[in-house]
Amino acid sequence: MDGKVFDRIEKKYLITNADKKELKKAIRKNMHKDSYHKSEVYNLYFDTNNFDLIIQSIDQPVFKHKLRARSYGGYDRVFLEIKTKLRGRDLNPGYKRRVMITHEEFDKLISGKTTLYELVRFSDKTKHELQIAKEVDYLIEHFKLKPKIMVIYNRESYKGEDNLRITFDEKLKYRDYNLTFNKGKRDKIYFKDNHNIILEIKAHEVLPLWLVSELSKLHLYPQQFSKIGKIYEKIIKEQNVQ
């Protein structure tokens, strides 16, 4: 999967534990567990000192992009990802390009002593991955990006036919200090109510009828919910209260 371009529709829903239980009855009949069925996901978002990329994303522009480093608990892998999205088209597609490196290599990158391209140029990366590495380096240098916010959650994932993928993200937490992939002892919890599960549905074209029927039966409708956008807004509110 490393270095591939992911082009897909993404729909998000905020649901309860009861909703999840009902959905999983239908999912078990039509999908199967993903290779990494359950995982703890760490997303380290890069931004400017003024959080220009996140603020731009919140404003819902026609085109937006994010740079993040993603790692999964227990694995020595860090995915540098450029995620872009186009608005104003019927499908509102999202595109994700990424390159995988080790935690040690990532530490060298954020130290500012090297570039992603220099880290991977003599590895077994494809020409496409090397091009993505150059794009990551350009974004970091041009916008003066650095790690700003860590977002953590537990993910349960399923995959089906026609590249359908469904994930349930729970226990959403965040921090704007200790910006490493180490576990934090004082991570802040985002949700305070029972609609505390983020359901994400990813597909390349239309959703299957069985899924549309289940969503309709449970009165679940897609909504705008950017984890990093919502968490940034919460951090700003917390700072204003102080």
C-alpha atoms as a PDB file:
ATOM      1  CA  MET A   1       0.000   0.000   0.000  1.00  0.00           C
ATOM      2  CA  ASP A   2       2.954   2.313   0.525  1.00  0.00           C
ATOM      3  CA  GLY A   3       3.125   5.225  -1.893  1.00  0.00           C
ATOM      4  CA  LYS A   4      -0.215   4.541  -3.502  1.00  0.00           C
ATOM      5  CA  VAL A   5      -2.742   7.231  -4.333  1.00  0.00           C
ATOM      6  CA  PHE A   6      -6.091   6.707  -2.617  1.00  0.00           C
ATOM      7  CA  ASP A   7      -9.006   8.295  -4.478  1.00  0.00           C
ATOM      8  CA  ARG A   8     -12.357   7.828  -2.781  1.00  0.00           C
ATOM      9  CA  ILE A   9     -15.599   9.209  -1.411  1.00  0.00           C
ATOM     10  CA  GLU A  10     -15.583   9.698   2.346  1.00  0.00           C
ATOM     11  CA  LYS A  11     -18.697  10.019   4.483  1.00  0.00           C
ATOM     12  CA  LYS A  12     -18.685  10.573   8.238  1.00  0.00           C
ATOM     13  CA  TYR A  13     -21.363  10.034  10.876  1.00  0.00           C
ATOM     14  CA  LEU A  14     -21.465  10.577  14.629  1.00  0.00           C
ATOM     15  CA  ILE A  15     -23.146   7.558  16.176  1.00  0.00           C
ATOM     16  CA  THR A  16     -23.844   5.881  19.518  1.00  0.00           C
ATOM     17  CA  ASN A  17     -22.811   2.477  20.819  1.00  0.00           C
ATOM     18  CA  ALA A  18     -26.341   1.250  20.100  1.00  0.00           C
ATOM     19  CA  ASP A  19     -26.047   2.405  16.461  1.00  0.00           C
ATOM     20  CA  LYS A  20     -22.725   0.610  16.127  1.00  0.00           C
ATOM     21  CA  LYS A  21     -24.178  -2.619  17.499  1.00  0.00           C
ATOM     22  CA  GLU A  22     -26.999  -2.593  14.928  1.00  0.00           C
ATOM     23  CA  LEU A  23     -24.713  -1.686  12.028  1.00  0.00           C
ATOM     24  CA  LYS A  24     -22.306  -4.480  12.838  1.00  0.00           C
ATOM     25  CA  LYS A  25     -25.084  -7.047  12.399  1.00  0.00           C
ATOM     26  CA  ALA A  26     -25.334  -6.054   8.734  1.00  0.00           C
ATOM     27  CA  ILE A  27     -21.580  -5.565   8.327  1.00  0.00           C
ATOM     28  CA  ARG A  28     -20.851  -9.132   9.431  1.00  0.00           C
ATOM     29  CA  LYS A  29     -23.153 -10.430   6.695  1.00  0.00           C
ATOM     30  CA  ASN A  30     -21.657  -8.330   3.901  1.00  0.00           C
ATOM     31  CA  MET A  31     -18.047  -7.509   4.824  1.00  0.00           C
ATOM     32  CA  HIS A  32     -15.080  -9.022   6.629  1.00  0.00           C
ATOM     33  CA  LYS A  33     -12.511  -7.804   9.106  1.00  0.00           C
ATOM     34  CA  ASP A  34      -9.664  -5.740   7.716  1.00  0.00           C
ATOM     35  CA  SER A  35      -6.093  -7.048   7.948  1.00  0.00           C
ATOM     36  CA  TYR A  36      -5.507  -4.794  10.959  1.00  0.00           C
ATOM     37  CA  HIS A  37      -8.991  -5.115  12.391  1.00  0.00           C
ATOM     38  CA  LYS A  38      -8.355  -3.247  15.635  1.00  0.00           C
ATOM     39  CA  SER A  39      -5.608  -0.690  16.115  1.00  0.00           C
ATOM     40  CA  GLU A  40      -4.604   2.375  18.069  1.00  0.00           C
ATOM     41  CA  VAL A  41      -4.001   5.201  15.608  1.00  0.00           C
ATOM     42  CA  TYR A  42      -1.698   8.161  16.213  1.00  0.00           C
ATOM     43  CA  ASN A  43      -1.981  11.130  13.842  1.00  0.00           C
ATOM     44  CA  LEU A  44       0.539  13.947  14.193  1.00  0.00           C
ATOM     45  CA  TYR A  45      -0.609  16.985  12.211  1.00  0.00           C
ATOM     46  CA  PHE A  46       1.847  19.509  10.786  1.00  0.00           C
ATOM     47  CA  ASP A  47       0.964  23.178  10.529  1.00  0.00           C
ATOM     48  CA  THR A  48       2.332  26.707  10.697  1.00  0.00           C
ATOM     49  CA  ASN A  49       2.746  28.575  13.983  1.00  0.00           C
ATOM     50  CA  ASN A  50      -0.581  30.286  13.200  1.00  0.00           C
ATOM     51  CA  PHE A  51      -2.344  27.019  12.241  1.00  0.00           C
ATOM     52  CA  ASP A  52      -2.990  28.318   8.717  1.00  0.00           C
ATOM     53  CA  LEU A  53      -3.710  24.883   7.166  1.00  0.00           C
ATOM     54  CA  ILE A  54      -6.266  23.893   9.802  1.00  0.00           C
ATOM     55  CA  ILE A  55      -8.007  27.281   9.695  1.00  0.00           C
ATOM     56  CA  GLN A  56      -8.169  27.093   5.906  1.00  0.00           C
ATOM     57  CA  SER A  57      -9.659  23.593   6.135  1.00  0.00           C
ATOM     58  CA  ILE A  58     -12.335  24.754   8.602  1.00  0.00           C
ATOM     59  CA  ASP A  59     -13.348  27.482   6.137  1.00  0.00           C
ATOM     60  CA  GLN A  60     -14.292  24.728   3.633  1.00  0.00           C
ATOM     61  CA  PRO A  61     -12.364  25.951   0.567  1.00  0.00           C
ATOM     62  CA  VAL A  62     -12.768  24.325  -2.839  1.00  0.00           C
ATOM     63  CA  PHE A  63      -9.345  22.747  -2.422  1.00  0.00           C
ATOM     64  CA  LYS A  64      -7.630  21.902   0.842  1.00  0.00           C
ATOM     65  CA  HIS A  65      -4.709  19.793   1.921  1.00  0.00           C
ATOM     66  CA  LYS A  66      -3.197  18.472   5.130  1.00  0.00           C
ATOM     67  CA  LEU A  67       0.162  17.017   6.050  1.00  0.00           C
ATOM     68  CA  ARG A  68       0.262  14.446   8.798  1.00  0.00           C
ATOM     69  CA  ALA A  69       2.386  11.605  10.114  1.00  0.00           C
ATOM     70  CA  ARG A  70       0.438   8.476  11.038  1.00  0.00           C
ATOM     71  CA  SER A  71       1.608   5.553  13.136  1.00  0.00           C
ATOM     72  CA  TYR A  72      -0.106   2.490  14.577  1.00  0.00           C
ATOM     73  CA  GLY A  73       0.559   1.327  18.117  1.00  0.00           C
ATOM     74  CA  GLY A  74       3.094  -1.502  18.242  1.00  0.00           C
ATOM     75  CA  TYR A  75       4.516  -1.042  14.713  1.00  0.00           C
ATOM     76  CA  ASP A  76       7.765   0.639  13.654  1.00  0.00           C
ATOM     77  CA  ARG A  77       6.132   2.452  10.777  1.00  0.00           C
ATOM     78  CA  VAL A  78       5.374   6.112  10.190  1.00  0.00           C
ATOM     79  CA  PHE A  79       3.357   7.152   7.147  1.00  0.00           C
ATOM     80  CA  LEU A  80       3.978  10.699   5.922  1.00  0.00           C
ATOM     81  CA  GLU A  81       0.686  11.554   4.235  1.00  0.00           C
ATOM     82  CA  ILE A  82      -0.469  14.411   2.043  1.00  0.00           C
ATOM     83  CA  LYS A  83      -4.241  14.422   2.151  1.00  0.00           C
ATOM     84  CA  THR A  84      -6.188  16.636  -0.245  1.00  0.00           C
ATOM     85  CA  LYS A  85      -9.874  17.117  -0.876  1.00  0.00           C
ATOM     86  CA  LEU A  86     -11.921  18.815  -3.579  1.00  0.00           C
ATOM     87  CA  ARG A  87     -15.286  20.409  -2.817  1.00  0.00           C
ATOM     88  CA  GLY A  88     -17.994  21.409  -5.268  1.00  0.00           C
ATOM     89  CA  ARG A  89     -18.212  18.155  -7.194  1.00  0.00           C
ATOM     90  CA  ASP A  90     -20.940  15.575  -6.660  1.00  0.00           C
ATOM     91  CA  LEU A  91     -18.604  12.995  -5.150  1.00  0.00           C
ATOM     92  CA  ASN A  92     -16.340  15.359  -3.178  1.00  0.00           C
ATOM     93  CA  PRO A  93     -13.393  12.978  -3.639  1.00  0.00           C
ATOM     94  CA  GLY A  94     -10.442  12.780  -1.327  1.00  0.00           C
ATOM     95  CA  TYR A  95      -6.897  11.907  -2.368  1.00  0.00           C
ATOM     96  CA  LYS A  96      -4.159  10.581  -0.118  1.00  0.00           C
ATOM     97  CA  ARG A  97      -0.492  10.122  -1.069  1.00  0.00           C
ATOM     98  CA  ARG A  98       1.955   8.657   1.387  1.00  0.00           C
ATOM     99  CA  VAL A  99       5.453   7.356   2.026  1.00  0.00           C
ATOM    100  CA  MET A 100       6.447   4.977   4.821  1.00  0.00           C
ATOM    101  CA  ILE A 101       9.551   5.407   7.007  1.00  0.00           C
ATOM    102  CA  THR A 102      10.679   4.140  10.426  1.00  0.00           C
ATOM    103  CA  HIS A 103      10.308   5.971  13.745  1.00  0.00           C
ATOM    104  CA  GLU A 104      14.048   6.581  13.830  1.00  0.00           C
ATOM    105  CA  GLU A 105      13.951   8.137  10.359  1.00  0.00           C
ATOM    106  CA  PHE A 106      10.968  10.278  11.360  1.00  0.00           C
ATOM    107  CA  ASP A 107      12.868  11.616  14.376  1.00  0.00           C
ATOM    108  CA  LYS A 108      15.695  12.617  12.036  1.00  0.00           C
ATOM    109  CA  LEU A 109      13.222  14.376   9.743  1.00  0.00           C
ATOM    110  CA  ILE A 110      11.566  16.526  12.401  1.00  0.00           C
ATOM    111  CA  SER A 111      14.947  17.412  13.903  1.00  0.00           C
ATOM    112  CA  GLY A 112      15.448  19.521  10.767  1.00  0.00           C
ATOM    113  CA  LYS A 113      18.795  17.922   9.990  1.00  0.00           C
ATOM    114  CA  THR A 114      17.602  16.124   6.869  1.00  0.00           C
ATOM    115  CA  THR A 115      14.738  15.901   4.378  1.00  0.00           C
ATOM    116  CA  LEU A 116      12.352  13.086   3.628  1.00  0.00           C
ATOM    117  CA  TYR A 117      13.789  12.738   0.138  1.00  0.00           C
ATOM    118  CA  GLU A 118      17.320  12.325   1.509  1.00  0.00           C
ATOM    119  CA  LEU A 119      16.050   9.676   3.935  1.00  0.00           C
ATOM    120  CA  VAL A 120      14.447   7.551   1.223  1.00  0.00           C
ATOM    121  CA  ARG A 121      16.390   8.308  -1.979  1.00  0.00           C
ATOM    122  CA  PHE A 122      18.684   5.275  -1.642  1.00  0.00           C
ATOM    123  CA  SER A 123      15.984   2.917  -0.356  1.00  0.00           C
ATOM    124  CA  ASP A 124      13.734   0.588  -2.343  1.00  0.00           C
ATOM    125  CA  LYS A 125      11.092   3.278  -2.828  1.00  0.00           C
ATOM    126  CA  THR A 126       9.469   3.655  -6.249  1.00  0.00           C
ATOM    127  CA  LYS A 127       9.802   6.764  -8.410  1.00  0.00           C
ATOM    128  CA  HIS A 128       6.273   7.676  -7.396  1.00  0.00           C
ATOM    129  CA  GLU A 129       7.141   7.462  -3.692  1.00  0.00           C
ATOM    130  CA  LEU A 130      10.254   9.567  -4.240  1.00  0.00           C
ATOM    131  CA  GLN A 131       8.094  12.202  -5.912  1.00  0.00           C
ATOM    132  CA  ILE A 132       5.738  12.195  -2.922  1.00  0.00           C
ATOM    133  CA  ALA A 133       8.761  12.615  -0.622  1.00  0.00           C
ATOM    134  CA  LYS A 134       9.751  15.717  -2.595  1.00  0.00           C
ATOM    135  CA  GLU A 135       6.216  17.088  -2.232  1.00  0.00           C
ATOM    136  CA  VAL A 136       6.307  16.543   1.536  1.00  0.00           C
ATOM    137  CA  ASP A 137       9.654  18.358   1.740  1.00  0.00           C
ATOM    138  CA  TYR A 138       8.280  21.232  -0.340  1.00  0.00           C
ATOM    139  CA  LEU A 139       5.249  21.665   1.941  1.00  0.00           C
ATOM    140  CA  ILE A 140       7.397  21.617   5.076  1.00  0.00           C
ATOM    141  CA  GLU A 141       9.860  24.144   3.684  1.00  0.00           C
ATOM    142  CA  HIS A 142       7.431  26.421   1.836  1.00  0.00           C
ATOM    143  CA  PHE A 143       4.897  26.754   4.657  1.00  0.00           C
ATOM    144  CA  LYS A 144       7.431  26.328   7.506  1.00  0.00           C
ATOM    145  CA  LEU A 145       5.454  23.405   8.885  1.00  0.00           C
ATOM    146  CA  LYS A 146       6.157  21.592  12.109  1.00  0.00           C
ATOM    147  CA  PRO A 147       4.276  19.081  14.307  1.00  0.00           C
ATOM    148  CA  LYS A 148       1.470  20.925  16.137  1.00  0.00           C
ATOM    149  CA  ILE A 149      -1.306  18.580  17.331  1.00  0.00           C
ATOM    150  CA  MET A 150      -1.473  14.853  18.097  1.00  0.00           C
ATOM    151  CA  VAL A 151      -4.804  13.064  17.573  1.00  0.00           C
ATOM    152  CA  ILE A 152      -5.298   9.529  18.929  1.00  0.00           C
ATOM    153  CA  TYR A 153      -8.174   7.052  18.687  1.00  0.00           C
ATOM    154  CA  ASN A 154      -8.995   3.356  18.637  1.00  0.00           C
ATOM    155  CA  ARG A 155     -10.076   2.075  15.218  1.00  0.00           C
ATOM    156  CA  GLU A 156     -12.112  -0.978  14.242  1.00  0.00           C
ATOM    157  CA  SER A 157     -12.149  -1.587  10.489  1.00  0.00           C
ATOM    158  CA  TYR A 158     -13.938  -3.707   7.901  1.00  0.00           C
ATOM    159  CA  LYS A 159     -13.589  -4.075   4.141  1.00  0.00           C
ATOM    160  CA  GLY A 160     -15.929  -5.336   1.456  1.00  0.00           C
ATOM    161  CA  GLU A 161     -16.384  -5.581  -2.283  1.00  0.00           C
ATOM    162  CA  ASP A 162     -15.618  -2.738  -4.690  1.00  0.00           C
ATOM    163  CA  ASN A 163     -13.113  -1.238  -2.240  1.00  0.00           C
ATOM    164  CA  LEU A 164     -15.764  -0.462   0.347  1.00  0.00           C
ATOM    165  CA  ARG A 165     -14.265   0.251   3.757  1.00  0.00           C
ATOM    166  CA  ILE A 166     -16.008   1.010   7.052  1.00  0.00           C
ATOM    167  CA  THR A 167     -14.258   2.143  10.209  1.00  0.00           C
ATOM    168  CA  PHE A 168     -15.416   2.938  13.740  1.00  0.00           C
ATOM    169  CA  ASP A 169     -13.182   5.413  15.585  1.00  0.00           C
ATOM    170  CA  GLU A 170     -13.622   5.585  19.368  1.00  0.00           C
ATOM    171  CA  LYS A 171     -11.978   7.143  22.425  1.00  0.00           C
ATOM    172  CA  LEU A 172     -10.899  10.236  20.517  1.00  0.00           C
ATOM    173  CA  LYS A 173      -8.094  12.025  22.398  1.00  0.00           C
ATOM    174  CA  TYR A 174      -5.624  14.790  21.666  1.00  0.00           C
ATOM    175  CA  ARG A 175      -2.687  16.804  22.948  1.00  0.00           C
ATOM    176  CA  ASP A 176      -0.692  19.830  21.800  1.00  0.00           C
ATOM    177  CA  TYR A 177       2.410  19.004  23.828  1.00  0.00           C
ATOM    178  CA  ASN A 178       4.752  15.970  23.864  1.00  0.00           C
ATOM    179  CA  LEU A 179       4.385  15.749  20.097  1.00  0.00           C
ATOM    180  CA  THR A 180       5.932  12.313  19.731  1.00  0.00           C
ATOM    181  CA  PHE A 181       4.453   8.889  19.074  1.00  0.00           C
ATOM    182  CA  ASN A 182       4.936   7.917  22.711  1.00  0.00           C
ATOM    183  CA  LYS A 183       1.838   7.346  24.832  1.00  0.00           C
ATOM    184  CA  GLY A 184       0.695  10.439  26.709  1.00  0.00           C
ATOM    185  CA  LYS A 185      -0.372  10.287  30.339  1.00  0.00           C
ATOM    186  CA  ARG A 186      -2.476  13.445  30.184  1.00  0.00           C
ATOM    187  CA  ASP A 187      -4.196  13.163  26.798  1.00  0.00           C
ATOM    188  CA  LYS A 188      -7.475  15.084  26.681  1.00  0.00           C
ATOM    189  CA  ILE A 189     -10.761  13.347  25.822  1.00  0.00           C
ATOM    190  CA  TYR A 190     -12.790  15.003  23.064  1.00  0.00           C
ATOM    191  CA  PHE A 191     -16.331  13.640  23.401  1.00  0.00           C
ATOM    192  CA  LYS A 192     -18.510  14.268  26.452  1.00  0.00           C
ATOM    193  CA  ASP A 193     -21.797  12.730  25.254  1.00  0.00           C
ATOM    194  CA  ASN A 194     -23.017   9.357  23.966  1.00  0.00           C
ATOM    195  CA  HIS A 195     -22.633  10.224  20.253  1.00  0.00           C
ATOM    196  CA  ASN A 196     -18.965   9.449  20.698  1.00  0.00           C
ATOM    197  CA  ILE A 197     -18.160   7.122  17.803  1.00  0.00           C
ATOM    198  CA  ILE A 198     -17.051   8.405  14.410  1.00  0.00           C
ATOM    199  CA  LEU A 199     -18.291   6.151  11.630  1.00  0.00           C
ATOM    200  CA  GLU A 200     -16.379   6.608   8.379  1.00  0.00           C
ATOM    201  CA  ILE A 201     -17.473   5.042   5.125  1.00  0.00           C
ATOM    202  CA  LYS A 202     -15.048   5.074   2.214  1.00  0.00           C
ATOM    203  CA  ALA A 203     -15.999   3.967  -1.286  1.00  0.00           C
ATOM    204  CA  HIS A 204     -14.872   4.596  -4.841  1.00  0.00           C
ATOM    205  CA  GLU A 205     -18.369   5.000  -6.256  1.00  0.00           C
ATOM    206  CA  VAL A 206     -21.874   4.564  -4.822  1.00  0.00           C
ATOM    207  CA  LEU A 207     -22.684   2.858  -1.523  1.00  0.00           C
ATOM    208  CA  PRO A 208     -24.223  -0.651  -1.683  1.00  0.00           C
ATOM    209  CA  LEU A 209     -27.983  -0.878  -1.169  1.00  0.00           C
ATOM    210  CA  TRP A 210     -27.715  -2.946   2.025  1.00  0.00           C
ATOM    211  CA  LEU A 211     -25.636  -0.196   3.643  1.00  0.00           C
ATOM    212  CA  VAL A 212     -27.910   2.614   2.459  1.00  0.00           C
ATOM    213  CA  SER A 213     -30.869   0.687   3.888  1.00  0.00           C
ATOM    214  CA  GLU A 214     -29.179   0.223   7.284  1.00  0.00           C
ATOM    215  CA  LEU A 215     -28.193   3.879   7.532  1.00  0.00           C
ATOM    216  CA  SER A 216     -31.736   4.927   6.647  1.00  0.00           C
ATOM    217  CA  LYS A 217     -33.261   2.525   9.163  1.00  0.00           C
ATOM    218  CA  LEU A 218     -31.117   3.969  11.941  1.00  0.00           C
ATOM    219  CA  HIS A 219     -31.746   7.567  10.779  1.00  0.00           C
ATOM    220  CA  LEU A 220     -28.022   8.184  10.315  1.00  0.00           C
ATOM    221  CA  TYR A 221     -27.016  11.007   8.007  1.00  0.00           C
ATOM    222  CA  PRO A 222     -23.548  12.181   6.931  1.00  0.00           C
ATOM    223  CA  GLN A 223     -22.122  15.324   8.445  1.00  0.00           C
ATOM    224  CA  GLN A 224     -18.988  17.415   8.309  1.00  0.00           C
ATOM    225  CA  PHE A 225     -16.592  16.277  11.019  1.00  0.00           C
ATOM    226  CA  SER A 226     -12.882  16.871  10.673  1.00  0.00           C
ATOM    227  CA  LYS A 227     -11.121  15.417  13.709  1.00  0.00           C
ATOM    228  CA  ILE A 228      -8.260  17.885  13.529  1.00  0.00           C
ATOM    229  CA  GLY A 229     -10.601  20.807  12.784  1.00  0.00           C
ATOM    230  CA  LYS A 230     -12.902  20.066  15.735  1.00  0.00           C
ATOM    231  CA  ILE A 231      -9.989  19.464  18.089  1.00  0.00           C
ATOM    232  CA  TYR A 232      -8.299  22.707  17.032  1.00  0.00           C
ATOM    233  CA  GLU A 233     -11.517  24.615  17.803  1.00  0.00           C
ATOM    234  CA  LYS A 234     -11.683  22.952  21.219  1.00  0.00           C
ATOM    235  CA  ILE A 235      -8.051  23.843  21.977  1.00  0.00           C
ATOM    236  CA  ILE A 236      -8.741  27.490  21.104  1.00  0.00           C
ATOM    237  CA  LYS A 237     -11.800  27.524  23.402  1.00  0.00           C
ATOM    238  CA  GLU A 238      -9.749  26.041  26.228  1.00  0.00           C
ATOM    239  CA  GLN A 239      -7.075  28.693  25.765  1.00  0.00           C
ATOM    240  CA  ASN A 240      -9.672  31.483  25.796  1.00  0.00           C
ATOM    241  CA  VAL A 241     -11.167  30.166  29.040  1.00  0.00           C
ATOM    242  CA  GLN A 242      -7.759  30.227  30.667  1.00  0.00           C
END
